[in-house]
C-alpha cells in the first residue's frame, strides 16, 4: 500500500469513527502537554494536525467534518 493510500484510508476511518479520531487527538495533545506545552495550545495543535492530515476537526464538542 502506498503512503498516500494509507493516509486516505485513515482519513475515511477518522471521519466515520468519532472515538477513534478523538483517541488520536488525545494522544497528540497529551504528548505535547507532557513536553510543557499548555493544555489549551496542545489541544489546538492536535486539532490542527488532525484537520490538515485527515480533514477532521476534533477540537469542537463532538465531531465536525470539513
Protein backbone atom coordinates (compact mmCIF):
# COMPACT_ATOMS: atom_id res chain seq x y z
CA UNK A 1 0.00 0.00 0.00
CA UNK A 2 1.27 3.45 -0.91
CA UNK A 3 1.59 6.05 1.86
CA UNK A 4 -0.98 8.24 0.10
CA UNK A 5 -3.46 5.35 0.14
CA UNK A 6 -2.81 4.69 3.82
CA UNK A 7 -3.44 8.33 4.74
CA UNK A 8 -6.62 8.40 2.66
CA UNK A 9 -7.81 5.21 4.39
CA UNK A 10 -7.08 6.68 7.82
CA UNK A 11 -8.90 9.88 6.83
CA UNK A 12 -12.00 7.87 5.92
CA UNK A 13 -11.83 5.98 9.21
CA UNK A 14 -11.31 9.21 11.21
CA UNK A 15 -14.41 10.73 9.60
CA UNK A 16 -16.51 7.62 10.25
CA UNK A 17 -15.37 6.81 13.79
CA UNK A 18 -15.53 9.75 16.20
CA UNK A 19 -13.99 7.82 19.08
CA UNK A 20 -11.02 6.71 17.00
CA UNK A 21 -10.36 10.28 15.83
CA UNK A 22 -10.68 11.55 19.40
CA UNK A 23 -8.18 8.92 20.59
CA UNK A 24 -5.59 10.22 18.13
CA UNK A 25 -6.33 13.80 19.16
CA UNK A 26 -5.98 12.90 22.84
CA UNK A 27 -2.68 11.13 22.35
CA UNK A 28 -1.25 14.04 20.39
CA UNK A 29 -2.45 16.65 22.90
CA UNK A 30 -1.26 14.63 25.89
CA UNK A 31 2.19 14.15 24.38
CA UNK A 32 2.56 17.87 23.74
CA UNK A 33 1.29 18.74 27.20
CA UNK A 34 3.83 16.37 28.78
CA UNK A 35 6.54 18.29 26.93
CA UNK A 36 5.47 21.53 28.59
CA UNK A 37 3.00 22.97 26.10
CA UNK A 38 -0.11 24.43 27.73
CA UNK A 39 -3.16 22.19 27.60
CA UNK A 40 -5.10 24.72 25.51
CA UNK A 41 -2.28 25.06 22.98
CA UNK A 42 -1.78 21.28 22.88
CA UNK A 43 -5.45 20.75 22.00
CA UNK A 44 -5.37 23.46 19.34
CA UNK A 45 -2.23 21.96 17.79
CA UNK A 46 -3.69 18.44 17.87
CA UNK A 47 -6.83 19.71 16.13
CA UNK A 48 -4.73 21.47 13.50
CA UNK A 49 -2.79 18.25 12.83
CA UNK A 50 -5.97 16.17 12.63
CA UNK A 51 -7.59 18.63 10.22
CA UNK A 52 -4.55 19.15 8.00
CA UNK A 53 -3.73 15.44 7.85
CA UNK A 54 -7.13 13.73 7.92
CA UNK A 55 -9.65 16.52 7.19
CA UNK A 56 -11.38 16.10 10.54
CA UNK A 57 -11.72 18.64 13.34
CA UNK A 58 -11.53 17.01 16.77
CA UNK A 59 -11.37 20.13 18.94
CA UNK A 60 -15.04 21.04 18.89
CA UNK A 61 -17.51 19.29 21.14
CA UNK A 62 -18.46 16.20 19.25
CA UNK A 63 -17.08 15.83 15.76
CA UNK A 64 -17.07 18.12 12.75
CA UNK A 65 -16.34 17.13 9.17
CA UNK A 66 -14.85 19.79 6.88
